[in-house]
Amino acid sequence: MLTFSIQLNRTQPASEQVVRAVKRAVVSGQLRSGDPFPSVRELSRSLKINPKTAHKSVAALVDEGVLETRPNLGTQVSSGWEANQKEKAVLLNKDIQRLVVDAKLCGLDWKEFLKELETEWKEIE
């Protein structure tokens, strides 16, 4: 069972969406260093994507150091990868965009939006 999911859209290749979702899962702690990662076949089946797309995603994640392959153990989350601040911001970009659009649709102005955001931020701390 996967600890992350994707909602396929036409604005971005599926392989890139998978890479982004896996990185978000690592940054958020849903996937941790040493956790096993599904095989290409399992990833393809679970996400309902082409096996070639799944393979491309896994290869990209290995190349970037997010995942590592170990003989006789399979693929797992790497212990050496950590997103920098810029990458974390990029990973949140779509969520931030969705939040801003929702705030505008609800009629919040910039100051009200920031006030609500700050309130939520402080509640989580």
Protein backbone atom coordinates (compact mmCIF):
# COMPACT_ATOMS: atom_id res chain seq x y z
CA MET A 1 0.00 0.00 0.00
CA LEU A 2 1.33 3.41 -0.98
CA THR A 3 1.75 6.20 1.56
CA PHE A 4 1.28 8.83 -1.15
CA SER A 5 -1.09 9.39 -4.02
CA ILE A 6 -1.34 11.45 -7.17
CA GLN A 7 -4.22 13.01 -9.03
CA LEU A 8 -3.21 12.80 -12.65
CA ASN A 9 -3.66 15.98 -14.63
CA ARG A 10 -2.76 16.96 -18.16
CA THR A 11 -0.65 19.96 -17.24
CA GLN A 12 2.33 17.88 -16.13
CA PRO A 13 3.71 14.51 -17.24
CA ALA A 14 2.66 11.64 -14.97
CA SER A 15 6.28 10.74 -14.22
CA GLU A 16 6.92 14.26 -12.90
CA GLN A 17 3.77 14.08 -10.80
CA VAL A 18 4.98 10.83 -9.23
CA VAL A 19 8.42 12.31 -8.52
CA ARG A 20 6.81 15.34 -6.87
CA ALA A 21 4.46 13.17 -4.79
CA VAL A 22 7.30 10.96 -3.55
CA LYS A 23 9.44 13.96 -2.63
CA ARG A 24 6.52 15.48 -0.73
CA ALA A 25 6.00 12.19 1.10
CA VAL A 26 9.68 12.19 2.12
CA VAL A 27 9.67 15.85 3.18
CA SER A 28 6.47 15.40 5.19
CA GLY A 29 7.70 12.22 6.90
CA GLN A 30 5.19 9.88 5.26
CA LEU A 31 8.19 8.09 3.78
CA ARG A 32 11.30 7.79 5.94
CA SER A 33 14.87 6.83 5.35
CA GLY A 34 15.12 3.07 4.83
CA ASP A 35 11.42 2.57 4.11
CA PRO A 36 10.85 0.07 1.31
CA PHE A 37 9.60 1.52 -1.95
CA PRO A 38 7.23 -0.43 -4.19
CA SER A 39 8.45 -2.20 -7.28
CA VAL A 40 7.83 -0.62 -10.66
CA ARG A 41 5.06 -3.14 -11.29
CA GLU A 42 3.38 -2.42 -7.95
CA LEU A 43 3.76 1.35 -8.41
CA SER A 44 2.26 1.12 -11.89
CA ARG A 45 -0.69 -0.92 -10.67
CA SER A 46 -1.36 1.18 -7.55
CA LEU A 47 -1.25 4.52 -9.34
CA LYS A 48 -2.84 3.21 -12.54
CA ILE A 49 0.01 4.44 -14.70
CA ASN A 50 1.96 2.82 -17.50
CA PRO A 51 4.86 0.63 -16.29
CA LYS A 52 7.26 2.67 -18.45
CA THR A 53 6.08 5.81 -16.66
CA ALA A 54 6.56 4.13 -13.28
CA HIS A 55 10.07 3.03 -14.32
CA LYS A 56 10.91 6.56 -15.51
CA SER A 57 9.73 7.98 -12.16
CA VAL A 58 11.74 5.53 -10.09
CA ALA A 59 14.84 6.07 -12.25
CA ALA A 60 14.55 9.85 -11.79
CA LEU A 61 14.15 9.45 -8.02
CA VAL A 62 17.21 7.18 -7.89
CA ASP A 63 19.21 9.64 -10.02
CA GLU A 64 18.27 12.49 -7.66
CA GLY A 65 19.22 10.43 -4.60
CA VAL A 66 15.71 10.26 -3.15
CA LEU A 67 15.61 6.48 -3.58
CA GLU A 68 18.35 3.89 -3.64
CA THR A 69 18.42 0.34 -4.87
CA ARG A 70 20.04 -2.37 -2.80
CA PRO A 71 20.87 -5.84 -4.06
CA ASN A 72 18.49 -8.42 -2.58
CA LEU A 73 16.59 -5.67 -0.74
CA GLY A 74 14.97 -3.77 -3.59
CA THR A 75 14.36 -0.06 -3.68
CA GLN A 76 14.11 2.02 -0.55
CA VAL A 77 14.06 5.62 0.59
CA SER A 78 17.58 6.99 0.71
CA SER A 79 19.14 8.22 3.91
CA GLY A 80 21.17 10.87 2.12
CA TRP A 81 18.51 13.02 0.44
CA GLU A 82 17.02 16.13 1.97
CA ALA A 83 15.08 18.83 0.17
CA ASN A 84 16.49 22.33 0.40
CA GLN A 85 14.27 25.33 1.18
CA LYS A 86 13.73 26.19 -2.48
CA GLU A 87 12.69 22.64 -3.33
CA LYS A 88 10.30 22.55 -0.36
CA ALA A 89 8.68 25.75 -1.62
CA VAL A 90 8.33 24.27 -5.11
CA LEU A 91 6.72 21.15 -3.63
CA LEU A 92 4.13 23.35 -1.92
CA ASN A 93 3.51 25.60 -4.92
CA LYS A 94 0.32 23.91 -6.16
CA ASP A 95 -1.15 23.82 -2.65
CA ILE A 96 -0.36 27.47 -2.11
CA GLN A 97 -1.92 28.34 -5.45
CA ARG A 98 -5.07 26.38 -4.57
CA LEU A 99 -5.26 28.08 -1.16
CA VAL A 100 -4.94 31.56 -2.66
CA VAL A 101 -7.61 30.84 -5.27
CA ASP A 102 -9.96 29.50 -2.57
CA ALA A 103 -9.35 32.58 -0.41
CA LYS A 104 -10.12 34.89 -3.33
CA LEU A 105 -13.27 32.91 -4.19
CA CYS A 106 -14.39 33.32 -0.58
CA GLY A 107 -13.87 37.07 -0.83
CA LEU A 108 -10.94 37.42 1.57
CA ASP A 109 -8.66 40.36 0.97
CA TRP A 110 -4.87 40.07 1.35
CA LYS A 111 -4.78 41.24 5.00
CA GLU A 112 -7.60 38.89 6.03
CA PHE A 113 -5.90 36.03 4.22
CA LEU A 114 -2.58 36.67 5.97
CA LYS A 115 -4.33 36.95 9.33
CA GLU A 116 -6.04 33.57 8.83
CA LEU A 117 -2.80 32.01 7.63
CA GLU A 118 -0.91 33.35 10.65
CA THR A 119 -3.61 32.08 13.02
CA GLU A 120 -3.38 28.58 11.55
CA TRP A 121 0.43 28.68 11.63
CA LYS A 122 0.43 29.59 15.34
CA GLU A 123 -2.13 26.91 16.21
CA ILE A 124 0.09 24.24 14.71
CA GLU A 125 3.19 25.44 16.58
